PDB file of N, CA and C in Angstrom:
ATOM      1  N   MET A   1       2.042   2.554  -6.943  1.00  0.00           N
ATOM      2  CA  MET A   1       3.162   2.296  -6.066  1.00  0.00           C
ATOM      3  C   MET A   1       2.689   2.052  -4.628  1.00  0.00           C
ATOM      4  N   LEU A   2       1.613   2.698  -4.222  1.00  0.00           N
ATOM      5  CA  LEU A   2       1.143   2.556  -2.852  1.00  0.00           C
ATOM      6  C   LEU A   2       0.754   1.113  -2.544  1.00  0.00           C
ATOM      7  N   LYS A   3       0.125   0.445  -3.497  1.00  0.00           N
ATOM      8  CA  LYS A   3      -0.247  -0.957  -3.309  1.00  0.00           C
ATOM      9  C   LYS A   3       1.006  -1.805  -3.115  1.00  0.00           C
ATOM     10  N   THR A   4       2.049  -1.515  -3.875  1.00  0.00           N
ATOM     11  CA  THR A   4       3.302  -2.260  -3.767  1.00  0.00           C
ATOM     12  C   THR A   4       3.933  -2.064  -2.397  1.00  0.00           C
ATOM     13  N   VAL A   5       3.900  -0.845  -1.888  1.00  0.00           N
ATOM     14  CA  VAL A   5       4.451  -0.572  -0.566  1.00  0.00           C
ATOM     15  C   VAL A   5       3.642  -1.295   0.508  1.00  0.00           C
ATOM     16  N   GLU A   6       2.327  -1.343   0.362  1.00  0.00           N
ATOM     17  CA  GLU A   6       1.492  -2.047   1.327  1.00  0.00           C
ATOM     18  C   GLU A   6       1.814  -3.533   1.345  1.00  0.00           C
ATOM     19  N   VAL A   7       1.995  -4.153   0.188  1.00  0.00           N
ATOM     20  CA  VAL A   7       2.338  -5.574   0.113  1.00  0.00           C
ATOM     21  C   VAL A   7       3.733  -5.780   0.697  1.00  0.00           C
ATOM     22  N   TYR A   8       4.637  -4.835   0.431  1.00  0.00           N
ATOM     23  CA  TYR A   8       5.988  -4.962   0.993  1.00  0.00           C
ATOM     24  C   TYR A   8       5.948  -4.927   2.522  1.00  0.00           C
ATOM     25  N   LYS A   9       5.105  -4.107   3.095  1.00  0.00           N
ATOM     26  CA  LYS A   9       5.005  -4.045   4.552  1.00  0.00           C
ATOM     27  C   LYS A   9       4.578  -5.397   5.124  1.00  0.00           C
ATOM     28  N   VAL A  10       3.644  -6.047   4.453  1.00  0.00           N
ATOM     29  CA  VAL A  10       3.226  -7.391   4.895  1.00  0.00           C
ATOM     30  C   VAL A  10       4.400  -8.355   4.757  1.00  0.00           C
ATOM     31  N   TRP A  11       5.092  -8.285   3.634  1.00  0.00           N
ATOM     32  CA  TRP A  11       6.268  -9.150   3.420  1.00  0.00           C
ATOM     33  C   TRP A  11       7.332  -8.894   4.493  1.00  0.00           C
ATOM     34  N   HIS A  12       7.590  -7.635   4.747  1.00  0.00           N
ATOM     35  CA  HIS A  12       8.643  -7.261   5.713  1.00  0.00           C
ATOM     36  C   HIS A  12       8.343  -7.848   7.096  1.00  0.00           C
ATOM     37  N   ALA A  13       7.079  -7.820   7.482  1.00  0.00           N
ATOM     38  CA  ALA A  13       6.685  -8.398   8.772  1.00  0.00           C
ATOM     39  C   ALA A  13       6.901  -9.922   8.766  1.00  0.00           C
ATOM     40  N   HIS A  14       6.683 -10.537   7.628  1.00  0.00           N
ATOM     41  CA  HIS A  14       6.839 -11.991   7.523  1.00  0.00           C
ATOM     42  C   HIS A  14       8.291 -12.397   7.343  1.00  0.00           C
ATOM     43  N   TYR A  15       9.108 -11.519   6.778  1.00  0.00           N
ATOM     44  CA  TYR A  15      10.502 -11.849   6.453  1.00  0.00           C
ATOM     45  C   TYR A  15      11.289 -12.324   7.680  1.00  0.00           C
ATOM     46  N   SER A  16      11.053 -11.743   8.816  1.00  0.00           N
ATOM     47  CA  SER A  16      11.789 -12.156  10.018  1.00  0.00           C
ATOM     48  C   SER A  16      11.411 -13.569  10.468  1.00  0.00           C
ATOM     49  N   ASN A  17      10.247 -14.064  10.035  1.00  0.00           N
ATOM     50  CA  ASN A  17       9.818 -15.418  10.358  1.00  0.00           C
ATOM     51  C   ASN A  17      10.136 -16.428   9.254  1.00  0.00           C
ATOM     52  N   PHE A  18      10.786 -15.952   8.216  1.00  0.00           N
ATOM     53  CA  PHE A  18      11.169 -16.818   7.099  1.00  0.00           C
ATOM     54  C   PHE A  18      12.139 -17.870   7.643  1.00  0.00           C
ATOM     55  N   PRO A  19      12.056 -19.115   7.201  1.00  0.00           N
ATOM     56  CA  PRO A  19      12.972 -20.153   7.696  1.00  0.00           C
ATOM     57  C   PRO A  19      14.436 -19.731   7.563  1.00  0.00           C
ATOM     58  N   ARG A  20      15.185 -19.950   8.622  1.00  0.00           N
ATOM     59  CA  ARG A  20      16.585 -19.505   8.675  1.00  0.00           C
ATOM     60  C   ARG A  20      17.412 -20.031   7.505  1.00  0.00           C
ATOM     61  N   LEU A  21      17.162 -21.246   7.104  1.00  0.00           N
ATOM     62  CA  LEU A  21      17.913 -21.849   6.017  1.00  0.00           C
ATOM     63  C   LEU A  21      17.796 -21.044   4.712  1.00  0.00           C
ATOM     64  N   SER A  22      16.639 -20.419   4.500  1.00  0.00           N
ATOM     65  CA  SER A  22      16.402 -19.685   3.257  1.00  0.00           C
ATOM     66  C   SER A  22      16.336 -18.174   3.435  1.00  0.00           C
ATOM     67  N   ARG A  23      16.403 -17.689   4.652  1.00  0.00           N
ATOM     68  CA  ARG A  23      16.212 -16.253   4.914  1.00  0.00           C
ATOM     69  C   ARG A  23      17.256 -15.393   4.194  1.00  0.00           C
ATOM     70  N   PHE A  24      18.497 -15.848   4.166  1.00  0.00           N
ATOM     71  CA  PHE A  24      19.568 -15.010   3.619  1.00  0.00           C
ATOM     72  C   PHE A  24      19.860 -15.311   2.151  1.00  0.00           C
ATOM     73  N   SER A  25      19.119 -16.204   1.566  1.00  0.00           N
ATOM     74  CA  SER A  25      19.256 -16.474   0.131  1.00  0.00           C
ATOM     75  C   SER A  25      17.945 -16.120  -0.564  1.00  0.00           C
ATOM     76  N   LEU A  26      16.983 -17.002  -0.496  1.00  0.00           N
ATOM     77  CA  LEU A  26      15.700 -16.768  -1.168  1.00  0.00           C
ATOM     78  C   LEU A  26      14.957 -15.585  -0.550  1.00  0.00           C
ATOM     79  N   GLY A  27      14.953 -15.493   0.764  1.00  0.00           N
ATOM     80  CA  GLY A  27      14.267 -14.383   1.419  1.00  0.00           C
ATOM     81  C   GLY A  27      14.888 -13.038   1.078  1.00  0.00           C
ATOM     82  N   ALA A  28      16.228 -12.989   1.061  1.00  0.00           N
ATOM     83  CA  ALA A  28      16.913 -11.744   0.708  1.00  0.00           C
ATOM     84  C   ALA A  28      16.660 -11.379  -0.753  1.00  0.00           C
ATOM     85  N   LYS A  29      16.613 -12.390  -1.625  1.00  0.00           N
ATOM     86  CA  LYS A  29      16.333 -12.149  -3.043  1.00  0.00           C
ATOM     87  C   LYS A  29      14.963 -11.520  -3.218  1.00  0.00           C
ATOM     88  N   ILE A  30      13.967 -12.087  -2.535  1.00  0.00           N
ATOM     89  CA  ILE A  30      12.605 -11.546  -2.618  1.00  0.00           C
ATOM     90  C   ILE A  30      12.563 -10.127  -2.043  1.00  0.00           C
ATOM     91  N   ASP A  31      13.223  -9.900  -0.935  1.00  0.00           N
ATOM     92  CA  ASP A  31      13.254  -8.572  -0.331  1.00  0.00           C
ATOM     93  C   ASP A  31      13.878  -7.557  -1.285  1.00  0.00           C
ATOM     94  N   ASN A  32      14.986  -7.940  -1.919  1.00  0.00           N
ATOM     95  CA  ASN A  32      15.653  -7.047  -2.880  1.00  0.00           C
ATOM     96  C   ASN A  32      14.774  -6.755  -4.096  1.00  0.00           C
ATOM     97  N   LEU A  33      14.070  -7.781  -4.573  1.00  0.00           N
ATOM     98  CA  LEU A  33      13.174  -7.563  -5.720  1.00  0.00           C
ATOM     99  C   LEU A  33      12.046  -6.603  -5.352  1.00  0.00           C
ATOM    100  N   PHE A  34      11.525  -6.733  -4.149  1.00  0.00           N
ATOM    101  CA  PHE A  34      10.475  -5.812  -3.686  1.00  0.00           C
ATOM    102  C   PHE A  34      11.003  -4.379  -3.679  1.00  0.00           C
ATOM    103  N   THR A  35      12.154  -4.173  -3.077  1.00  0.00           N
ATOM    104  CA  THR A  35      12.680  -2.798  -2.977  1.00  0.00           C
ATOM    105  C   THR A  35      13.077  -2.268  -4.357  1.00  0.00           C
ATOM    106  N   ASP A  36      13.608  -3.121  -5.224  1.00  0.00           N
ATOM    107  CA  ASP A  36      13.921  -2.696  -6.590  1.00  0.00           C
ATOM    108  C   ASP A  36      12.646  -2.281  -7.332  1.00  0.00           C
ATOM    109  N   LEU A  37      11.590  -3.065  -7.163  1.00  0.00           N
ATOM    110  CA  LEU A  37      10.309  -2.751  -7.803  1.00  0.00           C
ATOM    111  C   LEU A  37       9.776  -1.406  -7.337  1.00  0.00           C
ATOM    112  N   ILE A  38       9.798  -1.188  -6.040  1.00  0.00           N
ATOM    113  CA  ILE A  38       9.322   0.093  -5.498  1.00  0.00           C
ATOM    114  C   ILE A  38      10.158   1.242  -6.035  1.00  0.00           C
ATOM    115  N   GLU A  39      11.476   1.040  -6.098  1.00  0.00           N
ATOM    116  CA  GLU A  39      12.368   2.079  -6.620  1.00  0.00           C
ATOM    117  C   GLU A  39      12.037   2.391  -8.077  1.00  0.00           C
ATOM    118  N   LEU A  40      11.851   1.363  -8.898  1.00  0.00           N
ATOM    119  CA  LEU A  40      11.550   1.589 -10.308  1.00  0.00           C
ATOM    120  C   LEU A  40      10.202   2.291 -10.497  1.00  0.00           C
ATOM    121  N   LEU A  41       9.220   1.934  -9.701  1.00  0.00           N
ATOM    122  CA  LEU A  41       7.927   2.605  -9.805  1.00  0.00           C
ATOM    123  C   LEU A  41       8.029   4.066  -9.395  1.00  0.00           C
ATOM    124  N   LEU A  42       8.821   4.333  -8.380  1.00  0.00           N
ATOM    125  CA  LEU A  42       9.043   5.715  -7.939  1.00  0.00           C
ATOM    126  C   LEU A  42       9.757   6.511  -9.035  1.00  0.00           C
ATOM    127  N   LEU A  43      10.801   5.922  -9.606  1.00  0.00           N
ATOM    128  CA  LEU A  43      11.536   6.584 -10.684  1.00  0.00           C
ATOM    129  C   LEU A  43      10.648   6.821 -11.906  1.00  0.00           C
ATOM    130  N   ALA A  44       9.793   5.854 -12.213  1.00  0.00           N
ATOM    131  CA  ALA A  44       8.876   6.013 -13.345  1.00  0.00           C
ATOM    132  C   ALA A  44       7.911   7.166 -13.102  1.00  0.00           C
ATOM    133  N   GLY A  45       7.478   7.298 -11.868  1.00  0.00           N
ATOM    134  CA  GLY A  45       6.556   8.387 -11.533  1.00  0.00           C
ATOM    135  C   GLY A  45       7.166   9.769 -11.726  1.00  0.00           C
ATOM    136  N   PHE A  46       8.460   9.877 -11.502  1.00  0.00           N
ATOM    137  CA  PHE A  46       9.116  11.174 -11.614  1.00  0.00           C
ATOM    138  C   PHE A  46       9.881  11.364 -12.927  1.00  0.00           C
ATOM    139  N   ALA A  47       9.966  10.319 -13.739  1.00  0.00           N
ATOM    140  CA  ALA A  47      10.744  10.397 -14.975  1.00  0.00           C
ATOM    141  C   ALA A  47      10.042  11.270 -16.008  1.00  0.00           C
ATOM    142  N   GLY A  48      10.866  11.781 -16.908  1.00  0.00           N
ATOM    143  CA  GLY A  48      10.323  12.537 -18.026  1.00  0.00           C
ATOM    144  C   GLY A  48       9.609  11.596 -18.987  1.00  0.00           C
ATOM    145  N   VAL A  49       8.852  12.167 -19.877  1.00  0.00           N
ATOM    146  CA  VAL A  49       8.053  11.385 -20.822  1.00  0.00           C
ATOM    147  C   VAL A  49       8.935  10.425 -21.622  1.00  0.00           C
ATOM    148  N   ASP A  50      10.120  10.851 -21.976  1.00  0.00           N
ATOM    149  CA  ASP A  50      11.009  10.036 -22.798  1.00  0.00           C
ATOM    150  C   ASP A  50      11.600   8.839 -22.054  1.00  0.00           C
ATOM    151  N   GLN A  51      11.632   8.883 -20.728  1.00  0.00           N
ATOM    152  CA  GLN A  51      12.232   7.811 -19.933  1.00  0.00           C
ATOM    153  C   GLN A  51      11.213   6.949 -19.194  1.00  0.00           C
ATOM    154  N   LYS A  52      10.012   7.442 -19.069  1.00  0.00           N
ATOM    155  CA  LYS A  52       8.983   6.786 -18.248  1.00  0.00           C
ATOM    156  C   LYS A  52       8.708   5.354 -18.713  1.00  0.00           C
ATOM    157  N   TYR A  53       8.575   5.141 -20.009  1.00  0.00           N
ATOM    158  CA  TYR A  53       8.252   3.800 -20.541  1.00  0.00           C
ATOM    159  C   TYR A  53       9.321   2.778 -20.153  1.00  0.00           C
ATOM    160  N   THR A  54      10.578   3.176 -20.249  1.00  0.00           N
ATOM    161  CA  THR A  54      11.684   2.280 -19.912  1.00  0.00           C
ATOM    162  C   THR A  54      11.599   1.828 -18.466  1.00  0.00           C
ATOM    163  N   PHE A  55      11.311   2.752 -17.552  1.00  0.00           N
ATOM    164  CA  PHE A  55      11.199   2.402 -16.135  1.00  0.00           C
ATOM    165  C   PHE A  55      10.010   1.479 -15.892  1.00  0.00           C
ATOM    166  N   VAL A  56       8.904   1.722 -16.579  1.00  0.00           N
ATOM    167  CA  VAL A  56       7.702   0.895 -16.385  1.00  0.00           C
ATOM    168  C   VAL A  56       7.965  -0.523 -16.885  1.00  0.00           C
ATOM    169  N   VAL A  57       8.653  -0.680 -18.011  1.00  0.00           N
ATOM    170  CA  VAL A  57       8.992  -1.999 -18.530  1.00  0.00           C
ATOM    171  C   VAL A  57       9.928  -2.723 -17.569  1.00  0.00           C
ATOM    172  N   ARG A  58      10.905  -2.020 -17.046  1.00  0.00           N
ATOM    173  CA  ARG A  58      11.834  -2.632 -16.066  1.00  0.00           C
ATOM    174  C   ARG A  58      11.093  -3.036 -14.801  1.00  0.00           C
ATOM    175  N   ALA A  59      10.135  -2.236 -14.382  1.00  0.00           N
ATOM    176  CA  ALA A  59       9.321  -2.574 -13.198  1.00  0.00           C
ATOM    177  C   ALA A  59       8.498  -3.832 -13.468  1.00  0.00           C
ATOM    178  N   ALA A  60       7.931  -3.941 -14.661  1.00  0.00           N
ATOM    179  CA  ALA A  60       7.165  -5.141 -15.015  1.00  0.00           C
ATOM    180  C   ALA A  60       8.049  -6.380 -14.973  1.00  0.00           C
ATOM    181  N   THR A  61       9.283  -6.260 -15.425  1.00  0.00           N
ATOM    182  CA  THR A  61      10.222  -7.388 -15.401  1.00  0.00           C
ATOM    183  C   THR A  61      10.547  -7.767 -13.963  1.00  0.00           C
ATOM    184  N   LYS A  62      10.812  -6.775 -13.106  1.00  0.00           N
ATOM    185  CA  LYS A  62      11.086  -7.049 -11.694  1.00  0.00           C
ATOM    186  C   LYS A  62       9.902  -7.746 -11.019  1.00  0.00           C
ATOM    187  N   LEU A  63       8.701  -7.302 -11.392  1.00  0.00           N
ATOM    188  CA  LEU A  63       7.510  -7.909 -10.820  1.00  0.00           C
ATOM    189  C   LEU A  63       7.394  -9.380 -11.220  1.00  0.00           C
ATOM    190  N   ASP A  64       7.688  -9.674 -12.488  1.00  0.00           N
ATOM    191  CA  ASP A  64       7.667 -11.076 -12.946  1.00  0.00           C
ATOM    192  C   ASP A  64       8.675 -11.926 -12.181  1.00  0.00           C
ATOM    193  N   LEU A  65       9.872 -11.382 -11.956  1.00  0.00           N
ATOM    194  CA  LEU A  65      10.874 -12.094 -11.172  1.00  0.00           C
ATOM    195  C   LEU A  65      10.397 -12.307  -9.739  1.00  0.00           C
ATOM    196  N   LEU A  66       9.796 -11.291  -9.172  1.00  0.00           N
ATOM    197  CA  LEU A  66       9.279 -11.375  -7.819  1.00  0.00           C
ATOM    198  C   LEU A  66       8.221 -12.466  -7.702  1.00  0.00           C
ATOM    199  N   LYS A  67       7.310 -12.516  -8.659  1.00  0.00           N
ATOM    200  CA  LYS A  67       6.284 -13.554  -8.653  1.00  0.00           C
ATOM    201  C   LYS A  67       6.918 -14.939  -8.741  1.00  0.00           C
ATOM    202  N   PHE A  68       7.916 -15.079  -9.586  1.00  0.00           N
ATOM    203  CA  PHE A  68       8.585 -16.362  -9.739  1.00  0.00           C
ATOM    204  C   PHE A  68       9.240 -16.807  -8.437  1.00  0.00           C
ATOM    205  N   PHE A  69       9.998 -15.913  -7.786  1.00  0.00           N
ATOM    206  CA  PHE A  69      10.673 -16.294  -6.563  1.00  0.00           C
ATOM    207  C   PHE A  69       9.696 -16.500  -5.401  1.00  0.00           C
ATOM    208  N   MET A  70       8.569 -15.816  -5.409  1.00  0.00           N
ATOM    209  CA  MET A  70       7.530 -16.081  -4.408  1.00  0.00           C
ATOM    210  C   MET A  70       6.991 -17.500  -4.595  1.00  0.00           C
ATOM    211  N   GLN A  71       6.789 -17.890  -5.849  1.00  0.00           N
ATOM    212  CA  GLN A  71       6.307 -19.240  -6.129  1.00  0.00           C
ATOM    213  C   GLN A  71       7.316 -20.277  -5.688  1.00  0.00           C
ATOM    214  N   VAL A  72       8.593 -20.008  -5.929  1.00  0.00           N
ATOM    215  CA  VAL A  72       9.644 -20.922  -5.460  1.00  0.00           C
ATOM    216  C   VAL A  72       9.602 -21.039  -3.943  1.00  0.00           C
ATOM    217  N   ALA A  73       9.452 -19.915  -3.256  1.00  0.00           N
ATOM    218  CA  ALA A  73       9.391 -19.922  -1.791  1.00  0.00           C
ATOM    219  C   ALA A  73       8.212 -20.760  -1.312  1.00  0.00           C
ATOM    220  N   TRP A  74       7.096 -20.688  -2.015  1.00  0.00           N
ATOM    221  CA  TRP A  74       5.935 -21.508  -1.656  1.00  0.00           C
ATOM    222  C   TRP A  74       6.216 -22.985  -1.920  1.00  0.00           C
ATOM    223  N   GLU A  75       6.841 -23.275  -3.060  1.00  0.00           N
ATOM    224  CA  GLU A  75       7.128 -24.663  -3.426  1.00  0.00           C
ATOM    225  C   GLU A  75       8.095 -25.345  -2.456  1.00  0.00           C
ATOM    226  N   VAL A  76       9.046 -24.581  -1.921  1.00  0.00           N
ATOM    227  CA  VAL A  76       9.996 -25.175  -0.951  1.00  0.00           C
ATOM    228  C   VAL A  76       9.493 -25.006   0.491  1.00  0.00           C
ATOM    229  N   LYS A  77       8.236 -24.591   0.605  1.00  0.00           N
ATOM    230  CA  LYS A  77       7.536 -24.513   1.897  1.00  0.00           C
ATOM    231  C   LYS A  77       8.095 -23.440   2.848  1.00  0.00           C
ATOM    232  N   CYS A  78       8.639 -22.383   2.263  1.00  0.00           N
ATOM    233  CA  CYS A  78       9.022 -21.232   3.074  1.00  0.00           C
ATOM    234  C   CYS A  78       7.807 -20.332   3.341  1.00  0.00           C
ATOM    235  N   LEU A  79       6.800 -20.476   2.479  1.00  0.00           N
ATOM    236  CA  LEU A  79       5.539 -19.755   2.635  1.00  0.00           C
ATOM    237  C   LEU A  79       4.411 -20.778   2.689  1.00  0.00           C
ATOM    238  N   ASP A  80       3.485 -20.570   3.590  1.00  0.00           N
ATOM    239  CA  ASP A  80       2.320 -21.453   3.607  1.00  0.00           C
ATOM    240  C   ASP A  80       1.350 -21.016   2.501  1.00  0.00           C
ATOM    241  N   HIS A  81       0.360 -21.834   2.266  1.00  0.00           N
ATOM    242  CA  HIS A  81      -0.570 -21.577   1.157  1.00  0.00           C
ATOM    243  C   HIS A  81      -1.322 -20.251   1.334  1.00  0.00           C
ATOM    244  N   LYS A  82      -1.710 -19.955   2.554  1.00  0.00           N
ATOM    245  CA  LYS A  82      -2.480 -18.729   2.822  1.00  0.00           C
ATOM    246  C   LYS A  82      -1.641 -17.481   2.520  1.00  0.00           C
ATOM    247  N   LYS A  83      -0.400 -17.442   2.981  1.00  0.00           N
ATOM    248  CA  LYS A  83       0.490 -16.300   2.722  1.00  0.00           C
ATOM    249  C   LYS A  83       0.779 -16.171   1.225  1.00  0.00           C
ATOM    250  N   TYR A  84       1.070 -17.303   0.599  1.00  0.00           N
ATOM    251  CA  TYR A  84       1.374 -17.289  -0.825  1.00  0.00           C
ATOM    252  C   TYR A  84       0.188 -16.753  -1.619  1.00  0.00           C
ATOM    253  N   SER A  85      -1.002 -17.195  -1.263  1.00  0.00           N
ATOM    254  CA  SER A  85      -2.203 -16.739  -1.941  1.00  0.00           C
ATOM    255  C   SER A  85      -2.389 -15.229  -1.799  1.00  0.00           C
ATOM    256  N   LEU A  86      -2.128 -14.714  -0.617  1.00  0.00           N
ATOM    257  CA  LEU A  86      -2.208 -13.270  -0.374  1.00  0.00           C
ATOM    258  C   LEU A  86      -1.211 -12.514  -1.261  1.00  0.00           C
ATOM    259  N   TYR A  87       0.031 -12.987  -1.272  1.00  0.00           N
ATOM    260  CA  TYR A  87       1.053 -12.311  -2.091  1.00  0.00           C
ATOM    261  C   TYR A  87       0.731 -12.439  -3.577  1.00  0.00           C
ATOM    262  N   ALA A  88       0.342 -13.640  -4.018  1.00  0.00           N
ATOM    263  CA  ALA A  88       0.073 -13.860  -5.443  1.00  0.00           C
ATOM    264  C   ALA A  88      -1.057 -12.967  -5.925  1.00  0.00           C
ATOM    265  N   ASN A  89      -2.145 -12.877  -5.166  1.00  0.00           N
ATOM    266  CA  ASN A  89      -3.264 -12.027  -5.561  1.00  0.00           C
ATOM    267  C   ASN A  89      -2.855 -10.554  -5.623  1.00  0.00           C
ATOM    268  N   SER A  90      -2.125 -10.121  -4.623  1.00  0.00           N
ATOM    269  CA  SER A  90      -1.702  -8.717  -4.585  1.00  0.00           C
ATOM    270  C   SER A  90      -0.733  -8.411  -5.730  1.00  0.00           C
ATOM    271  N   LEU A  91       0.210  -9.311  -5.990  1.00  0.00           N
ATOM    272  CA  LEU A  91       1.180  -9.082  -7.057  1.00  0.00           C
ATOM    273  C   LEU A  91       0.511  -9.125  -8.434  1.00  0.00           C
ATOM    274  N   ASN A  92      -0.511  -9.964  -8.583  1.00  0.00           N
ATOM    275  CA  ASN A  92      -1.261  -9.973  -9.852  1.00  0.00           C
ATOM    276  C   ASN A  92      -1.996  -8.648 -10.057  1.00  0.00           C
ATOM    277  N   GLU A  93      -2.557  -8.107  -8.991  1.00  0.00           N
ATOM    278  CA  GLU A  93      -3.239  -6.816  -9.068  1.00  0.00           C
ATOM    279  C   GLU A  93      -2.233  -5.714  -9.454  1.00  0.00           C
ATOM    280  N   ILE A  94      -1.075  -5.743  -8.843  1.00  0.00           N
ATOM    281  CA  ILE A  94      -0.022  -4.770  -9.176  1.00  0.00           C
ATOM    282  C   ILE A  94       0.384  -4.934 -10.638  1.00  0.00           C
ATOM    283  N   GLY A  95       0.471  -6.160 -11.096  1.00  0.00           N
ATOM    284  CA  GLY A  95       0.801  -6.429 -12.498  1.00  0.00           C
ATOM    285  C   GLY A  95      -0.220  -5.839 -13.453  1.00  0.00           C
ATOM    286  N   ARG A  96      -1.501  -5.927 -13.094  1.00  0.00           N
ATOM    287  CA  ARG A  96      -2.538  -5.325 -13.945  1.00  0.00           C
ATOM    288  C   ARG A  96      -2.389  -3.805 -13.989  1.00  0.00           C
ATOM    289  N   MET A  97      -2.034  -3.203 -12.852  1.00  0.00           N
ATOM    290  CA  MET A  97      -1.840  -1.752 -12.817  1.00  0.00           C
ATOM    291  C   MET A  97      -0.652  -1.323 -13.672  1.00  0.00           C
ATOM    292  N   ILE A  98       0.448  -2.067 -13.547  1.00  0.00           N
ATOM    293  CA  ILE A  98       1.640  -1.751 -14.348  1.00  0.00           C
ATOM    294  C   ILE A  98       1.350  -1.965 -15.820  1.00  0.00           C
ATOM    295  N   GLY A  99       0.640  -3.031 -16.142  1.00  0.00           N
ATOM    296  CA  GLY A  99       0.278  -3.289 -17.555  1.00  0.00           C
ATOM    297  C   GLY A  99      -0.595  -2.184 -18.129  1.00  0.00           C
ATOM    298  N   GLY A 100      -1.524  -1.689 -17.339  1.00  0.00           N
ATOM    299  CA  GLY A 100      -2.371  -0.570 -17.777  1.00  0.00           C
ATOM    300  C   GLY A 100      -1.551   0.691 -17.991  1.00  0.00           C
ATOM    301  N   TRP A 101      -0.605   0.936 -17.108  1.00  0.00           N
ATOM    302  CA  TRP A 101       0.271   2.097 -17.223  1.00  0.00           C
ATOM    303  C   TRP A 101       1.094   1.971 -18.509  1.00  0.00           C
ATOM    304  N   GLN A 102       1.601   0.774 -18.750  1.00  0.00           N
ATOM    305  CA  GLN A 102       2.405   0.525 -19.952  1.00  0.00           C
ATOM    306  C   GLN A 102       1.578   0.771 -21.213  1.00  0.00           C
ATOM    307  N   LYS A 103       0.353   0.291 -21.247  1.00  0.00           N
ATOM    308  CA  LYS A 103      -0.523   0.500 -22.416  1.00  0.00           C
ATOM    309  C   LYS A 103      -0.814   1.974 -22.627  1.00  0.00           C
ATOM    310  N   GLN A 104      -1.060   2.666 -21.519  1.00  0.00           N
ATOM    311  CA  GLN A 104      -1.336   4.114 -21.599  1.00  0.00           C
ATOM    312  C   GLN A 104      -0.138   4.849 -22.193  1.00  0.00           C
ATOM    313  N   LEU A 105       1.061   4.482 -21.772  1.00  0.00           N
ATOM    314  CA  LEU A 105       2.271   5.144 -22.286  1.00  0.00           C
ATOM    315  C   LEU A 105       2.473   4.819 -23.762  1.00  0.00           C
ATOM    316  N   LEU A 106       2.146   3.606 -24.174  1.00  0.00           N
ATOM    317  CA  LEU A 106       2.298   3.221 -25.578  1.00  0.00           C
ATOM    318  C   LEU A 106       1.373   4.015 -26.464  1.00  0.00           C
ATOM    319  N   LYS A 107       0.151   4.323 -25.965  1.00  0.00           N
ATOM    320  CA  LYS A 107      -0.789   5.112 -26.742  1.00  0.00           C
ATOM    321  C   LYS A 107      -0.283   6.539 -26.941  1.00  0.00           C
ATOM    322  N   LYS A 108       0.342   7.091 -25.880  1.00  0.00           N
ATOM    323  CA  LYS A 108       0.857   8.460 -25.945  1.00  0.00           C
ATOM    324  C   LYS A 108       2.080   8.568 -26.846  1.00  0.00           C
ATOM    325  N   GLN A 109       2.962   7.585 -26.722  1.00  0.00           N
ATOM    326  CA  GLN A 109       4.235   7.661 -27.440  1.00  0.00           C
ATOM    327  C   GLN A 109       4.742   6.239 -27.685  1.00  0.00           C
ATOM    328  N   PRO A 110       5.167   5.952 -28.890  1.00  0.00           N
ATOM    329  CA  PRO A 110       5.728   4.605 -29.141  1.00  0.00           C
ATOM    330  C   PRO A 110       6.981   4.373 -28.327  1.00  0.00           C
ATOM    331  N   PRO A 111       7.301   3.098 -28.008  1.00  0.00           N
ATOM    332  CA  PRO A 111       8.474   2.822 -27.197  1.00  0.00           C
ATOM    333  C   PRO A 111       9.758   3.238 -27.892  1.00  0.00           C
ATOM    334  N   PRO A 112      10.752   3.637 -27.083  1.00  0.00           N
ATOM    335  CA  PRO A 112      12.048   4.016 -27.670  1.00  0.00           C
ATOM    336  C   PRO A 112      12.736   2.791 -28.278  1.00  0.00           C
ATOM    337  N   THR A 113      13.507   3.028 -29.301  1.00  0.00           N
ATOM    338  CA  THR A 113      14.227   1.925 -29.949  1.00  0.00           C
ATOM    339  C   THR A 113      15.666   1.895 -29.546  1.00  0.00           C
TER     340      THR A 113
END
């Protein structure tokens, strides 16, 4: 979760410079996905064994959405290549961490049905 918060801090500093035309639509969507992701990771950390897997899967889904909307922001030129590359690399690293957590939980207990 700490890595996610660090990337969010970088995003938050950039958010105020996001083009006005997209700041309250695409920018707000990305900001909400970031905060939702952080919330889900925090909840997963404190959840009981029976609920932890569900939160981790939801966090992985939020991360995928975040990556998609970051790519859209880059494609419509709201993000330059350097910023997009920074976010993409960081989000991929977070994805590997979440994936590892998910695999670890699957080994301990099969997913709920």
